Protein backbone atom coordinates (compact mmCIF):
# COMPACT_ATOMS: atom_id res chain seq x y z
CA UNK A 1 -51.90 68.22 104.48
CA UNK A 2 -55.43 66.92 103.94
CA UNK A 3 -54.69 66.25 100.28
CA UNK A 4 -51.51 64.38 101.16
CA UNK A 5 -53.32 62.29 103.77
CA UNK A 6 -56.16 61.47 101.38
CA UNK A 7 -53.70 60.27 98.77
CA UNK A 8 -52.28 57.73 101.19
CA UNK A 9 -55.50 56.93 103.07
CA UNK A 10 -56.06 55.01 106.28
CA UNK A 11 -56.48 56.11 109.91
CA UNK A 12 -52.73 56.69 110.39
CA UNK A 13 -52.33 58.90 107.32
CA UNK A 14 -53.21 62.24 108.96
CA UNK A 15 -50.64 61.93 111.74
CA UNK A 16 -48.04 60.68 109.27
CA UNK A 17 -48.74 63.54 106.86
CA UNK A 18 -48.50 66.09 109.68
CA UNK A 19 -45.14 64.69 110.76
CA UNK A 20 -43.77 64.56 107.20
CA UNK A 21 -44.86 68.14 106.46
CA UNK A 22 -43.23 69.42 109.65
CA UNK A 23 -39.96 67.70 108.76
CA UNK A 24 -40.19 68.97 105.19
CA UNK A 25 -40.56 72.54 106.44
CA UNK A 26 -37.45 72.14 108.57
CA UNK A 27 -35.51 70.79 105.58
CA UNK A 28 -36.66 73.66 103.37
CA UNK A 29 -35.69 76.24 105.99
CA UNK A 30 -32.27 74.59 106.13
CA UNK A 31 -31.97 74.84 102.34
CA UNK A 32 -32.62 71.14 101.69
CA UNK A 33 -34.94 69.26 99.35
CA UNK A 34 -37.73 67.36 101.19
CA UNK A 35 -38.13 64.93 98.30
CA UNK A 36 -41.24 62.89 97.52
CA UNK A 37 -43.69 63.71 100.32
CA UNK A 38 -46.18 60.99 99.37
CA UNK A 39 -43.44 58.37 99.52
CA UNK A 40 -42.33 59.68 102.90
CA UNK A 41 -45.89 59.48 104.23
CA UNK A 42 -46.12 55.89 103.04
CA UNK A 43 -42.88 55.16 104.87
CA UNK A 44 -44.22 56.70 108.09
CA UNK A 45 -47.49 54.79 107.84
CA UNK A 46 -45.64 51.55 107.12
CA UNK A 47 -43.37 52.10 110.09
CA UNK A 48 -46.34 52.76 112.38
CA UNK A 49 -48.06 49.57 111.20
CA UNK A 50 -45.00 47.36 111.58
CA UNK A 51 -44.76 45.32 114.81
CA UNK A 52 -41.69 45.96 116.94
CA UNK A 53 -41.35 42.43 118.35
CA UNK A 54 -40.25 40.26 115.45
CA UNK A 55 -38.65 36.93 114.72
CA UNK A 56 -34.89 37.08 114.19
CA UNK A 57 -32.27 34.70 112.83
CA UNK A 58 -29.56 33.88 115.37
CA UNK A 59 -26.20 33.77 113.60
CA UNK A 60 -24.16 34.59 116.71
CA UNK A 61 -23.10 31.08 117.68
CA UNK A 62 -24.80 31.45 121.09
CA UNK A 63 -27.63 28.91 121.31
CA UNK A 64 -29.62 30.36 124.24
CA UNK A 65 -29.19 34.05 123.48
CA UNK A 66 -30.96 36.20 126.09
CA UNK A 67 -31.12 39.27 123.85
CA UNK A 68 -32.64 37.20 121.04
CA UNK A 69 -35.39 35.64 123.16
CA UNK A 70 -33.56 32.62 124.61
CA UNK A 71 -35.08 29.26 123.65
CA UNK A 72 -37.16 29.03 120.46
CA UNK A 73 -40.29 26.96 120.98
CA UNK A 74 -40.92 23.56 119.45
CA UNK A 75 -43.61 23.25 116.81
CA UNK A 76 -45.72 21.09 119.11
CA UNK A 77 -45.58 23.75 121.83
CA UNK A 78 -46.57 26.44 119.33
CA UNK A 79 -49.53 24.37 118.16
CA UNK A 80 -50.66 23.95 121.77
CA UNK A 81 -50.44 27.72 122.35
CA UNK A 82 -52.49 28.39 119.22
CA UNK A 83 -55.13 25.86 120.22
CA UNK A 84 -55.48 27.30 123.72
CA UNK A 85 -55.38 30.94 122.59
CA UNK A 86 -57.93 30.69 119.79
CA UNK A 87 -60.84 30.58 122.26
CA UNK A 88 -61.74 29.93 125.87
CA UNK A 89 -59.92 27.29 127.89
CA UNK A 90 -60.05 25.35 131.16
CA UNK A 91 -57.28 27.52 132.62
CA UNK A 92 -58.81 27.57 136.11
CA UNK A 93 -61.76 25.24 135.67
CA UNK A 94 -61.94 21.58 136.61
CA UNK A 95 -63.90 20.04 133.74
CA UNK A 96 -64.35 16.69 135.51
CA UNK A 97 -65.62 18.13 138.79
CA UNK A 98 -67.47 21.00 137.15
CA UNK A 99 -66.01 23.58 139.52
CA UNK A 100 -63.20 26.09 139.91
CA UNK A 101 -59.77 24.58 139.41
CA UNK A 102 -56.15 25.78 139.52
CA UNK A 103 -53.87 26.79 136.68
CA UNK A 104 -51.11 24.93 138.52
CA UNK A 105 -52.79 21.58 137.81
CA UNK A 106 -51.87 21.56 134.12
CA UNK A 107 -48.10 21.14 134.47
CA UNK A 108 -47.66 19.80 138.00
CA UNK A 109 -48.21 16.12 137.21
CA UNK A 110 -45.84 16.18 134.22
CA UNK A 111 -43.12 17.90 136.26
CA UNK A 112 -43.53 15.37 139.06
CA UNK A 113 -43.23 12.51 136.59
CA UNK A 114 -40.11 13.99 134.95
CA UNK A 115 -38.26 14.88 138.16
CA UNK A 116 -39.66 12.75 140.98
CA UNK A 117 -40.68 15.85 142.93
CA UNK A 118 -43.49 15.64 145.48
CA UNK A 119 -45.09 18.83 144.19
CA UNK A 120 -44.56 21.61 141.66
CA UNK A 121 -45.44 25.28 141.20
CA UNK A 122 -44.96 27.46 138.13
CA UNK A 123 -44.56 31.27 138.13
CA UNK A 124 -43.59 33.81 135.49
CA UNK A 125 -39.76 33.66 135.74
CA UNK A 126 -36.99 32.20 137.88
CA UNK A 127 -36.17 35.42 139.74
CA UNK A 128 -39.82 35.48 140.83
CA UNK A 129 -39.55 31.82 141.84
CA UNK A 130 -36.62 32.48 144.20
CA UNK A 131 -38.27 35.67 145.47
CA UNK A 132 -41.48 33.80 146.27
CA UNK A 133 -39.62 30.95 147.95
CA UNK A 134 -37.74 33.26 150.31
CA UNK A 135 -40.78 35.45 150.98
CA UNK A 136 -42.89 32.41 151.92
CA UNK A 137 -40.23 30.62 153.97
CA UNK A 138 -38.01 33.34 155.43
CA UNK A 139 -39.66 36.76 155.44
CA UNK A 140 -38.26 38.77 158.36
CA UNK A 141 -35.72 36.04 159.15
CA UNK A 142 -32.24 35.00 158.00
CA UNK A 143 -31.16 33.05 154.93
CA UNK A 144 -27.59 31.74 154.80
CA UNK A 145 -25.80 31.94 151.42
CA UNK A 146 -22.20 31.72 150.22
CA UNK A 147 -20.45 34.95 149.17
CA UNK A 148 -19.21 33.14 146.08
CA UNK A 149 -22.81 32.72 144.89
CA UNK A 150 -24.04 36.31 145.22
CA UNK A 151 -23.88 36.89 141.51
CA UNK A 152 -25.04 39.56 139.09
CA UNK A 153 -27.40 38.44 136.34
CA UNK A 154 -28.48 40.18 133.13
CA UNK A 155 -28.99 43.93 132.75
CA UNK A 156 -27.22 44.76 136.01
CA UNK A 157 -29.61 42.95 138.35
CA UNK A 158 -27.85 41.50 141.40
CA UNK A 159 -29.08 38.47 143.30
CA UNK A 160 -28.70 40.13 146.74
CA UNK A 161 -30.84 43.08 145.62
CA UNK A 162 -33.52 40.81 144.19
CA UNK A 163 -33.63 38.58 147.25
CA UNK A 164 -33.70 41.48 149.69
CA UNK A 165 -37.13 42.35 148.29
CA UNK A 166 -38.40 39.08 149.75
CA UNK A 167 -38.09 40.53 153.24
CA UNK A 168 -35.48 37.95 154.22
CA UNK A 169 -32.08 38.99 155.62
CA UNK A 170 -29.14 37.45 153.79
CA UNK A 171 -26.30 36.12 155.92
CA UNK A 172 -23.14 35.77 153.81
CA UNK A 173 -20.63 33.04 154.64
CA UNK A 174 -17.25 32.00 153.28
CA UNK A 175 -15.26 34.02 150.76
CA UNK A 176 -15.50 34.67 147.04
CA UNK A 177 -13.38 31.67 146.13
CA UNK A 178 -13.64 29.34 149.15
CA UNK A 179 -16.67 28.25 151.17
CA UNK A 180 -16.93 25.11 153.29
CA UNK A 181 -19.85 23.23 154.85
CA UNK A 182 -18.80 24.37 158.31
CA UNK A 183 -19.24 27.99 157.22
CA UNK A 184 -22.95 27.31 156.82
CA UNK A 185 -22.98 25.41 160.13
CA UNK A 186 -21.35 28.26 162.05
CA UNK A 187 -23.73 30.90 160.64
CA UNK A 188 -26.94 29.14 161.70
CA UNK A 189 -28.70 30.76 164.64
CA UNK A 190 -32.14 30.94 166.24
CA UNK A 191 -33.34 33.35 163.54
CA UNK A 192 -32.18 31.26 160.57
CA UNK A 193 -35.07 30.20 158.33
CA UNK A 194 -33.35 28.53 155.36
CA UNK A 195 -30.12 27.81 153.51
CA UNK A 196 -29.79 29.04 149.94
CA UNK A 197 -27.54 27.58 147.29
CA UNK A 198 -27.16 29.40 143.98
CA UNK A 199 -25.88 27.40 141.02
CA UNK A 200 -22.90 29.02 139.31
CA UNK A 201 -24.81 29.14 136.07
CA UNK A 202 -23.11 32.05 134.30
CA UNK A 203 -19.58 31.87 135.69
CA UNK A 204 -17.00 29.54 137.20
CA UNK A 205 -14.29 30.11 139.79
CA UNK A 206 -11.16 28.13 138.90
CA UNK A 207 -7.80 27.74 140.58
CA UNK A 208 -7.58 28.14 144.34
CA UNK A 209 -11.23 27.52 145.14
CA UNK A 210 -13.42 25.30 147.25
CA UNK A 211 -17.17 24.76 147.34
CA UNK A 212 -19.10 22.18 149.36
CA UNK A 213 -21.16 19.66 147.46
CA UNK A 214 -24.93 19.87 147.46
CA UNK A 215 -25.06 16.73 149.62
CA UNK A 216 -22.85 18.37 152.26
CA UNK A 217 -24.99 21.51 152.45
CA UNK A 218 -28.15 19.38 152.54
CA UNK A 219 -26.76 17.43 155.49
CA UNK A 220 -26.16 20.69 157.40
CA UNK A 221 -29.74 21.79 156.67
CA UNK A 222 -31.15 18.44 157.82
CA UNK A 223 -29.27 18.50 161.12
CA UNK A 224 -30.83 21.87 161.93
CA UNK A 225 -34.28 21.14 160.53
CA UNK A 226 -33.99 23.89 157.90
CA UNK A 227 -35.13 23.81 154.26
CA UNK A 228 -32.44 23.98 151.59
CA UNK A 229 -33.45 26.05 148.56
CA UNK A 230 -31.36 25.46 145.43
CA UNK A 231 -31.50 28.05 142.64
CA UNK A 232 -30.55 25.85 139.70
CA UNK A 233 -30.69 28.72 137.20
CA UNK A 234 -30.68 27.24 133.71
CA UNK A 235 -32.55 24.18 134.84
CA UNK A 236 -32.00 21.04 132.80
CA UNK A 237 -34.60 18.27 132.93
CA UNK A 238 -33.14 16.18 130.13
CA UNK A 239 -29.36 15.69 130.70
CA UNK A 240 -27.23 18.29 128.85
CA UNK A 241 -23.47 17.76 129.10
CA UNK A 242 -22.41 18.00 132.77
CA UNK A 243 -25.18 20.38 133.84
CA UNK A 244 -27.03 18.98 136.90
CA UNK A 245 -30.67 18.10 136.31
CA UNK A 246 -33.55 19.01 138.59
CA UNK A 247 -34.06 15.32 139.38
CA UNK A 248 -30.43 14.94 140.47
CA UNK A 249 -30.58 18.06 142.66
CA UNK A 250 -33.70 16.84 144.46
CA UNK A 251 -32.19 13.40 144.93
CA UNK A 252 -29.05 15.01 146.41
CA UNK A 253 -31.08 16.58 149.21
CA UNK A 254 -32.50 19.93 148.08
CA UNK A 255 -35.92 20.64 149.59
CA UNK A 256 -36.87 23.15 146.89
CA UNK A 257 -35.29 23.68 143.50
CA UNK A 258 -36.01 26.67 141.24
CA UNK A 259 -35.05 27.12 137.59
CA UNK A 260 -35.95 28.87 134.34
CA UNK A 261 -38.29 27.52 131.68
CA UNK A 262 -36.71 29.24 128.67
CA UNK A 263 -33.13 28.00 128.89
CA UNK A 264 -32.06 24.34 128.88
CA UNK A 265 -35.67 23.26 129.35
CA UNK A 266 -36.34 24.73 125.91
CA UNK A 267 -39.72 26.28 126.72
CA UNK A 268 -41.19 29.74 127.37
CA UNK A 269 -40.18 32.21 130.06
CA UNK A 270 -41.26 30.67 133.36
CA UNK A 271 -40.02 29.98 136.86
CA UNK A 272 -40.41 26.37 137.95
CA UNK A 273 -40.35 25.37 141.62
CA UNK A 274 -40.14 21.71 142.64
CA UNK A 275 -39.83 19.98 145.97
CA UNK A 276 -41.51 18.96 149.19
CA UNK A 277 -45.27 19.14 149.18
CA UNK A 278 -45.73 21.16 152.38
CA UNK A 279 -43.18 23.78 151.24
CA UNK A 280 -44.78 24.13 147.80
CA UNK A 281 -48.14 24.60 149.52
CA UNK A 282 -46.72 27.48 151.58
CA UNK A 283 -45.55 29.16 148.39
CA UNK A 284 -48.89 28.59 146.68
CA UNK A 285 -50.80 30.25 149.52
CA UNK A 286 -48.49 33.25 149.85
CA UNK A 287 -50.03 36.55 148.59
CA UNK A 288 -46.99 37.17 146.34
CA UNK A 289 -47.91 34.08 144.33
CA UNK A 290 -50.81 35.97 142.76
CA UNK A 291 -48.49 38.76 141.59
CA UNK A 292 -46.01 36.43 139.91
CA UNK A 293 -48.34 33.75 138.51
CA UNK A 294 -47.79 32.47 134.99
CA UNK A 295 -50.11 33.55 132.16
CA UNK A 296 -52.15 31.10 130.09
CA UNK A 297 -50.10 31.37 126.88
CA UNK A 298 -46.80 30.70 128.66
CA UNK A 299 -48.49 27.88 130.54
CA UNK A 300 -49.68 26.30 127.30
CA UNK A 301 -46.19 26.59 125.77
CA UNK A 302 -44.64 25.09 128.90
CA UNK A 303 -47.08 22.17 128.93
CA UNK A 304 -46.40 21.48 125.25
CA UNK A 305 -42.65 21.52 125.89
CA UNK A 306 -42.86 19.26 128.95
CA UNK A 307 -44.92 16.72 127.01
CA UNK A 308 -42.07 16.53 124.49
CA UNK A 309 -39.58 15.94 127.33
CA UNK A 310 -41.58 12.83 128.23
CA UNK A 311 -41.25 11.11 124.85
CA UNK A 312 -39.46 13.18 122.21
CA UNK A 313 -36.93 15.64 123.70
CA UNK A 314 -35.03 15.65 120.39
CA UNK A 315 -37.88 17.73 118.93
CA UNK A 316 -37.09 20.62 121.29
CA UNK A 317 -35.01 23.12 119.26
CA UNK A 318 -32.44 23.95 121.96
CA UNK A 319 -31.73 20.29 122.73
CA UNK A 320 -31.66 19.41 119.04
CA UNK A 321 -29.18 22.22 118.34
CA UNK A 322 -26.88 21.24 121.21
CA UNK A 323 -26.90 17.58 120.13
CA UNK A 324 -26.45 18.11 116.38
CA UNK A 325 -23.54 16.71 114.39
CA UNK A 326 -20.90 19.39 113.76
CA UNK A 327 -20.76 18.29 110.13
CA UNK A 328 -24.31 19.55 109.68
CA UNK A 329 -23.22 22.94 110.93
CA UNK A 330 -20.31 22.89 108.51
CA UNK A 331 -22.64 21.95 105.64
CA UNK A 332 -24.88 24.97 106.34
CA UNK A 333 -21.85 27.27 106.45
CA UNK A 334 -20.50 25.85 103.18
CA UNK A 335 -23.88 26.12 101.49
CA UNK A 336 -24.16 29.73 102.62
CA UNK A 337 -20.61 30.50 101.48
CA UNK A 338 -21.42 29.21 97.98
CA UNK A 339 -24.59 31.31 97.84
CA UNK A 340 -22.97 34.52 99.08
CA UNK A 341 -19.39 34.29 97.90
CA UNK A 342 -18.26 34.21 101.53
CA UNK A 343 -15.66 32.09 103.26
CA UNK A 344 -16.14 29.24 105.72
CA UNK A 345 -14.45 29.85 109.07
CA UNK A 346 -14.16 27.49 112.02
CA UNK A 347 -15.57 29.03 115.21
CA UNK A 348 -16.45 28.19 118.81
CA UNK A 349 -20.09 28.40 119.90
CA UNK A 350 -21.55 28.79 123.37
CA UNK A 351 -24.57 27.36 125.14
CA UNK A 352 -25.59 30.79 126.49
CA UNK A 353 -28.35 31.71 128.90
CA UNK A 354 -25.90 31.42 131.79
CA UNK A 355 -25.59 27.66 131.27
CA UNK A 356 -22.27 25.81 131.02
CA UNK A 357 -20.06 28.91 130.74
CA UNK A 358 -16.91 26.89 130.06
CA UNK A 359 -18.42 24.64 127.40
CA UNK A 360 -17.06 25.20 123.90
CA UNK A 361 -19.19 24.01 120.99
CA UNK A 362 -17.36 23.36 117.70
CA UNK A 363 -19.02 25.43 114.99
CA UNK A 364 -18.60 26.98 111.55
CA UNK A 365 -19.50 30.39 110.17
CA UNK A 366 -19.76 32.04 106.79
CA UNK A 367 -17.59 35.18 106.80
CA UNK A 368 -18.76 38.13 104.67
CA UNK A 369 -17.91 41.82 104.60
CA UNK A 370 -18.44 43.79 107.82
CA UNK A 371 -20.52 46.41 106.01
CA UNK A 372 -23.40 43.91 105.79
CA UNK A 373 -23.95 43.87 109.58
CA UNK A 374 -26.23 46.91 109.58
CA UNK A 375 -28.43 46.02 106.58
CA UNK A 376 -28.89 42.48 107.89
CA UNK A 377 -30.34 43.88 111.11
CA UNK A 378 -33.33 45.17 109.15
CA UNK A 379 -35.99 43.05 107.46
CA UNK A 380 -34.87 42.84 103.86
CA UNK A 381 -36.04 41.82 100.42
CA UNK A 382 -33.69 41.89 97.46
CA UNK A 383 -34.66 44.75 95.11
CA UNK A 384 -34.79 42.28 92.25
CA UNK A 385 -37.16 39.95 94.15
CA UNK A 386 -39.91 42.14 95.63
CA UNK A 387 -42.29 39.16 95.65
CA UNK A 388 -40.30 37.36 98.38
CA UNK A 389 -41.72 37.20 101.87
CA UNK A 390 -39.83 39.49 104.29
CA UNK A 391 -36.59 38.12 105.66
CA UNK A 392 -36.24 38.45 109.46
CA UNK A 393 -33.43 40.52 110.96
CA UNK A 394 -30.19 38.55 111.06
CA UNK A 395 -27.74 39.02 113.93
CA UNK A 396 -24.16 37.86 113.44
CA UNK A 397 -20.81 38.68 115.04
CA UNK A 398 -18.40 41.36 113.80
CA UNK A 399 -14.83 40.21 114.29
CA UNK A 400 -11.54 41.29 112.70
CA UNK A 401 -13.22 43.43 110.07
CA UNK A 402 -15.65 40.76 108.90
CA UNK A 403 -19.20 39.70 109.71
CA UNK A 404 -19.35 36.10 110.87
CA UNK A 405 -22.67 34.38 110.22
CA UNK A 406 -22.30 31.48 112.62
CA UNK A 407 -24.44 28.53 111.55
CA UNK A 408 -24.63 26.73 114.91
CA UNK A 409 -28.13 28.02 115.73
CA UNK A 410 -29.25 28.80 112.17
CA UNK A 411 -31.94 26.30 111.17
CA UNK A 412 -31.78 24.52 107.82
CA UNK A 413 -34.94 26.37 106.80
CA UNK A 414 -33.26 29.73 107.51
CA UNK A 415 -30.16 29.32 105.36
CA UNK A 416 -31.88 30.59 102.23
CA UNK A 417 -33.23 33.62 104.10
CA UNK A 418 -29.69 34.52 105.18
CA UNK A 419 -28.44 34.20 101.60
CA UNK A 420 -31.30 36.35 100.29
CA UNK A 421 -30.60 39.02 102.92
CA UNK A 422 -26.90 39.12 102.04
CA UNK A 423 -27.82 39.63 98.39
CA UNK A 424 -30.21 42.41 99.36
CA UNK A 425 -27.57 44.05 101.55
CA UNK A 426 -25.25 44.16 98.57
CA UNK A 427 -27.98 45.58 96.39
CA UNK A 428 -27.99 42.79 93.83
CA UNK A 429 -27.96 39.07 93.17
CA UNK A 430 -25.60 36.37 91.95
CA UNK A 431 -26.00 33.09 90.06
CA UNK A 432 -25.09 31.02 93.12
CA UNK A 433 -28.09 32.43 94.96
CA UNK A 434 -30.31 31.50 92.03
CA UNK A 435 -28.99 27.95 92.41
CA UNK A 436 -29.75 27.99 96.12
CA UNK A 437 -33.39 29.00 95.80
CA UNK A 438 -34.11 26.67 92.89
CA UNK A 439 -32.85 23.55 94.67
CA UNK A 440 -35.82 21.25 95.35
CA UNK A 441 -33.99 18.27 96.86
CA UNK A 442 -32.95 17.28 93.38
CA UNK A 443 -30.61 18.58 90.67
CA UNK A 444 -29.73 22.26 91.06
CA UNK A 445 -30.52 24.15 87.86
CA UNK A 446 -28.19 27.12 87.52
CA UNK A 447 -28.80 30.31 85.62
CA UNK A 448 -27.25 28.83 82.49
CA UNK A 449 -30.00 26.19 82.37
CA UNK A 450 -32.75 28.67 83.00
CA UNK A 451 -31.57 31.23 80.45
CA UNK A 452 -30.85 28.66 77.76
CA UNK A 453 -33.82 26.33 78.10
CA UNK A 454 -37.52 26.63 78.63
CA UNK A 455 -38.73 23.25 77.48
CA UNK A 456 -41.36 21.09 79.15
CA UNK A 457 -38.76 18.58 80.37
CA UNK A 458 -36.94 21.20 82.43
CA UNK A 459 -40.23 22.56 83.75
CA UNK A 460 -41.31 19.08 84.77
CA UNK A 461 -38.00 18.35 86.56
CA UNK A 462 -38.19 21.58 88.55
CA UNK A 463 -41.88 21.54 89.41
CA UNK A 464 -42.38 17.80 89.76
CA UNK A 465 -45.72 16.80 91.24
CA UNK A 466 -46.56 20.42 92.00
CA UNK A 467 -47.76 21.04 88.44
CA UNK A 468 -51.30 19.87 89.15
CA UNK A 469 -51.79 22.42 91.91
CA UNK A 470 -50.77 25.52 90.02
CA UNK A 471 -54.15 26.40 88.57
CA UNK A 472 -55.92 26.28 91.92
CA UNK A 473 -55.22 30.01 92.15
CA UNK A 474 -57.17 32.19 89.73
CA UNK A 475 -55.72 35.20 87.95
CA UNK A 476 -57.78 37.50 90.19
CA UNK A 477 -56.51 35.79 93.34
CA UNK A 478 -52.97 36.01 92.10
CA UNK A 479 -53.29 39.72 91.30
CA UNK A 480 -54.65 40.36 94.78
CA UNK A 481 -51.77 38.44 96.34
CA UNK A 482 -49.18 40.35 94.31
CA UNK A 483 -50.81 43.62 95.29
CA UNK A 484 -50.79 42.72 98.98
CA UNK A 485 -47.15 41.61 98.80
CA UNK A 486 -46.20 44.82 96.99
CA UNK A 487 -47.82 46.99 99.64
CA UNK A 488 -46.32 44.96 102.48
CA UNK A 489 -42.84 45.34 101.09
CA UNK A 490 -42.74 48.70 99.41
CA UNK A 491 -45.49 50.38 101.45
CA UNK A 492 -46.82 51.93 98.27
CA UNK A 493 -50.08 51.52 96.33
CA UNK A 494 -49.77 48.75 93.78
CA UNK A 495 -49.22 49.87 90.21
CA UNK A 496 -50.16 47.11 87.77
CA UNK A 497 -46.75 46.63 86.18
CA UNK A 498 -47.14 42.85 86.44
CA UNK A 499 -49.56 41.30 83.98
CA UNK A 500 -50.42 37.61 84.37
CA UNK A 501 -50.08 35.42 81.35
CA UNK A 502 -50.26 31.68 80.74
CA UNK A 503 -48.42 29.15 78.68
CA UNK A 504 -50.23 26.42 76.85
CA UNK A 505 -52.30 24.26 79.27
CA UNK A 506 -50.22 21.19 78.58
CA UNK A 507 -47.11 22.97 79.93
CA UNK A 508 -49.08 23.85 83.07
CA UNK A 509 -46.92 26.74 84.19
CA UNK A 510 -48.10 30.26 84.93
CA UNK A 511 -45.88 33.11 83.73
CA UNK A 512 -45.77 36.74 84.85
CA UNK A 513 -44.01 39.47 82.87
CA UNK A 514 -42.30 42.25 84.77
CA UNK A 515 -40.33 45.33 83.86
CA UNK A 516 -37.67 45.34 86.56
CA UNK A 517 -35.48 48.24 87.66
CA UNK A 518 -32.01 47.21 88.82
CA UNK A 519 -28.78 49.20 89.33
CA UNK A 520 -27.33 47.51 86.26
CA UNK A 521 -30.27 48.39 84.03
CA UNK A 522 -33.91 47.70 83.27
CA UNK A 523 -34.78 44.09 82.44
CA UNK A 524 -37.89 42.31 81.30
CA UNK A 525 -38.45 39.01 83.06
CA UNK A 526 -40.73 36.05 82.56
CA UNK A 527 -41.25 34.17 85.80
CA UNK A 528 -42.94 30.77 86.08
CA UNK A 529 -44.88 30.66 89.35
CA UNK A 530 -45.66 27.79 91.70
CA UNK A 531 -46.59 27.10 95.29
CA UNK A 532 -44.54 23.96 95.58
CA UNK A 533 -42.23 25.49 98.20
CA UNK A 534 -44.35 26.77 101.15
CA UNK A 535 -41.48 29.04 102.20
CA UNK A 536 -41.40 30.75 98.83
CA UNK A 537 -44.25 32.68 97.29
CA UNK A 538 -42.47 33.43 94.06
CA UNK A 539 -40.53 32.04 91.12
CA UNK A 540 -38.67 28.79 91.15
CA UNK A 541 -37.12 29.48 87.74
CA UNK A 542 -36.05 32.61 85.89
CA UNK A 543 -35.95 33.27 82.15
CA UNK A 544 -35.21 36.59 80.54
CA UNK A 545 -37.57 37.32 77.66
CA UNK A 546 -36.56 35.46 74.53
CA UNK A 547 -37.73 38.33 72.32
CA UNK A 548 -35.09 40.69 73.78
CA UNK A 549 -31.65 39.25 72.85
CA UNK A 550 -29.84 42.40 73.95
CA UNK A 551 -31.29 42.15 77.46
CA UNK A 552 -30.35 38.48 77.67
CA UNK A 553 -26.79 39.18 76.58
CA UNK A 554 -26.49 42.04 79.04
CA UNK A 555 -27.75 39.97 81.97
CA UNK A 556 -25.61 36.98 81.05
CA UNK A 557 -22.53 39.18 80.88
CA UNK A 558 -23.21 40.76 84.26
CA UNK A 559 -23.84 37.33 85.76
CA UNK A 560 -20.47 36.15 84.52
CA UNK A 561 -22.03 33.61 82.18
CA UNK A 562 -20.46 34.99 79.02
């Protein structure tokens, strides 16, 4: 075991070697072959080093997908998080006064400006926001709520169970499908502390149904001097279809409104509470507030997102996706179909996150074989392109024996990653994918061009102004980068099978030679390298070695070029 661990090296090697040896013994006792133990140790070490929380590509057609992390953050919000997290911050320090401050100060003014609220409070999620509101305003007393609004949210959590933890007693009025304003009126007694209205965010009752307007419920609350708490759920600030905004809800008479930060707001997980100043102050001073307060990174992401709502809401990914032209979605699906050999299929997308459950968003998907669903769930790199950066897991929808890669929430920058992952899942490549990754907003050079020509004119057209930057990386730096990439992908020590070479200086293109194993045979490649595309640390053109005509003919035949 010690010898095996030394061969791999690193602090995790001993535990990995012990585990591999134990499994190997079991396989041998069962009459099996344990295989390459060193390779298995490398796999164990690589698995232990790999983070479990990873970026994923959402090809489900659901924009705010709870299982996939809900709203992706805007670039500006991410930059603000990075800036705040890289060192100390004024999280709870008033720089002007030179004394202790409050973390609530950072977002309160922006929220007030966006919604017209008197005051604002931010906690770590919306369930905590409603829990805090009821604990501060109605602990040990009654809260009146419609039976038609006692809903179940994700993972089996039910609103009545969550709210009961506040110490308030829920008084249910009306029926599942019909509740009137007088039902609230008749339920109010000397022990009533508040009225609660829960937005039907993740369902709708249609047909024989009745529900009082917010204005009607607010009027009942006013007559009895009771606060009306409105759980808005998805919580739009910028108008999104017919979803009510926080500003509209406050104007209609709600005394407090609570909603999520990571749904239609487009920010991080957070619970936002807006409303009357004296009520917000009660919540702020309640002991539960400390337990549910927002952390500094989420606060930074929320502030960055709210600043975009002030002047550039179109830069928020969720809002941009919901407002995009359907033709752009179709174009991504068609581009992906060309690159993968799939078929374009018209689909219906959803907003998700409990918002607008009846809204249908026209969308398009690329349909490929169902067998690709499992390999796309894992980070992949095509076996013929080990120098590519890892592709994130891709989650699509299996329907009618096919995998639908819905392009509604797939960003333009992610289309190539999806195509690369499909190629990897099939264990090979195709000329259309070569076209996809060599497109630099100009003419697409297909494999015919690359195999048949290697002149300076073609190089210049492909590389453009990037030629001057190529030699900024030395051969030693490049070798180190290749080695690091090799270990990251294959989790093996680097074996120097790639030898850097250079063309004449006037051609200004670096070339690497590589003996490449592929199911169809062993090929020798020459690969011009560039950093022109920041998403791609690898070749922008391919050329099989001119001194091996048999290899060229073989590859061309398998690619369908001859």
